[in-house]
Protein backbone atom coordinates (compact mmCIF):
# COMPACT_ATOMS: atom_id res chain seq x y z
CA UNK A 1 -12.79 57.76 -80.65
CA UNK A 2 -15.85 58.00 -78.38
CA UNK A 3 -19.12 59.85 -79.01
CA UNK A 4 -18.10 62.89 -76.95
CA UNK A 5 -14.86 63.28 -78.89
CA UNK A 6 -16.71 63.04 -82.19
CA UNK A 7 -19.29 65.61 -81.07
CA UNK A 8 -16.52 67.93 -79.90
CA UNK A 9 -14.91 67.65 -83.33
CA UNK A 10 -18.27 68.40 -84.98
CA UNK A 11 -18.61 71.53 -82.84
CA UNK A 12 -15.11 72.67 -83.78
CA UNK A 13 -15.83 72.12 -87.47
CA UNK A 14 -19.10 74.05 -87.29
CA UNK A 15 -17.26 76.90 -85.59
CA UNK A 16 -14.63 76.78 -88.35
CA UNK A 17 -17.39 76.94 -90.96
CA UNK A 18 -18.85 80.04 -89.28
CA UNK A 19 -15.42 81.71 -89.11
CA UNK A 20 -14.86 81.05 -92.81
CA UNK A 21 -18.22 82.55 -93.75
CA UNK A 22 -17.55 85.58 -91.55
CA UNK A 23 -14.10 86.05 -93.07
CA UNK A 24 -15.59 85.88 -96.55
CA UNK A 25 -18.30 88.38 -95.62
CA UNK A 26 -15.73 90.84 -94.26
CA UNK A 27 -13.50 90.49 -97.31
CA UNK A 28 -10.67 88.83 -95.38
CA UNK A 29 -11.00 85.68 -97.50
CA UNK A 30 -11.58 85.37 -101.22
CA UNK A 31 -14.33 83.22 -102.70
CA UNK A 32 -12.01 80.51 -104.04
CA UNK A 33 -10.25 80.05 -100.70
CA UNK A 34 -13.56 80.02 -98.84
CA UNK A 35 -14.97 77.42 -101.21
CA UNK A 36 -11.91 75.16 -100.90
CA UNK A 37 -11.81 75.35 -97.11
CA UNK A 38 -15.57 74.95 -96.73
CA UNK A 39 -15.49 71.88 -98.91
CA UNK A 40 -12.81 70.30 -96.69
CA UNK A 41 -14.83 71.16 -93.55
CA UNK A 42 -18.01 69.68 -95.03
CA UNK A 43 -16.26 66.43 -95.96
CA UNK A 44 -14.84 66.06 -92.45
CA UNK A 45 -18.26 66.82 -90.96
CA UNK A 46 -19.80 64.11 -93.12
CA UNK A 47 -17.14 61.67 -91.91
CA UNK A 48 -17.80 62.56 -88.27
CA UNK A 49 -21.57 62.16 -88.62
CA UNK A 50 -21.08 58.84 -90.42
CA UNK A 51 -18.81 57.56 -87.67
CA UNK A 52 -21.28 58.65 -85.00
CA UNK A 53 -24.15 56.90 -86.83
CA UNK A 54 -22.05 53.73 -87.08
CA UNK A 55 -21.25 53.83 -83.36
CA UNK A 56 -24.88 54.37 -82.40
CA UNK A 57 -26.08 51.56 -84.66
CA UNK A 58 -23.56 49.18 -83.11
CA UNK A 59 -24.68 50.20 -79.61
CA UNK A 60 -28.32 49.70 -80.54
CA UNK A 61 -27.61 46.15 -81.66
CA UNK A 62 -25.36 45.27 -78.72
CA UNK A 63 -22.15 45.38 -80.73
CA UNK A 64 -18.94 47.13 -79.72
CA UNK A 65 -19.13 50.77 -80.87
CA UNK A 66 -15.33 50.82 -80.73
CA UNK A 67 -15.34 48.67 -83.86
CA UNK A 68 -16.80 51.53 -85.90
CA UNK A 69 -14.26 53.08 -88.23
CA UNK A 70 -14.05 56.36 -90.06
CA UNK A 71 -14.75 55.94 -93.75
CA UNK A 72 -12.90 57.73 -96.52
CA UNK A 73 -14.14 60.95 -98.06
CA UNK A 74 -14.77 59.06 -101.30
CA UNK A 75 -17.21 56.77 -99.50
CA UNK A 76 -19.14 59.28 -97.40
CA UNK A 77 -19.41 61.84 -100.19
CA UNK A 78 -21.13 59.37 -102.49
CA UNK A 79 -23.94 58.27 -100.17
CA UNK A 80 -27.37 58.83 -101.61
CA UNK A 81 -29.52 61.10 -99.50
């Protein structure tokens, strides 16, 4: 997956997040469903950003960015900020 593909996926996920919040605000989605779906979106966003950071770090140090790999939700969700 190249940088443009990752960024396109990020944009789609952000749009999904906005649609979920709008649906919740209009009453079309209950709080539990919104929470569950938002959590899944946030995890995937974290994975995308992590993959993009890996790719950019590899490029910066003259390594092959194609060697970067998506990490599991368990890994990216336990990073310390």
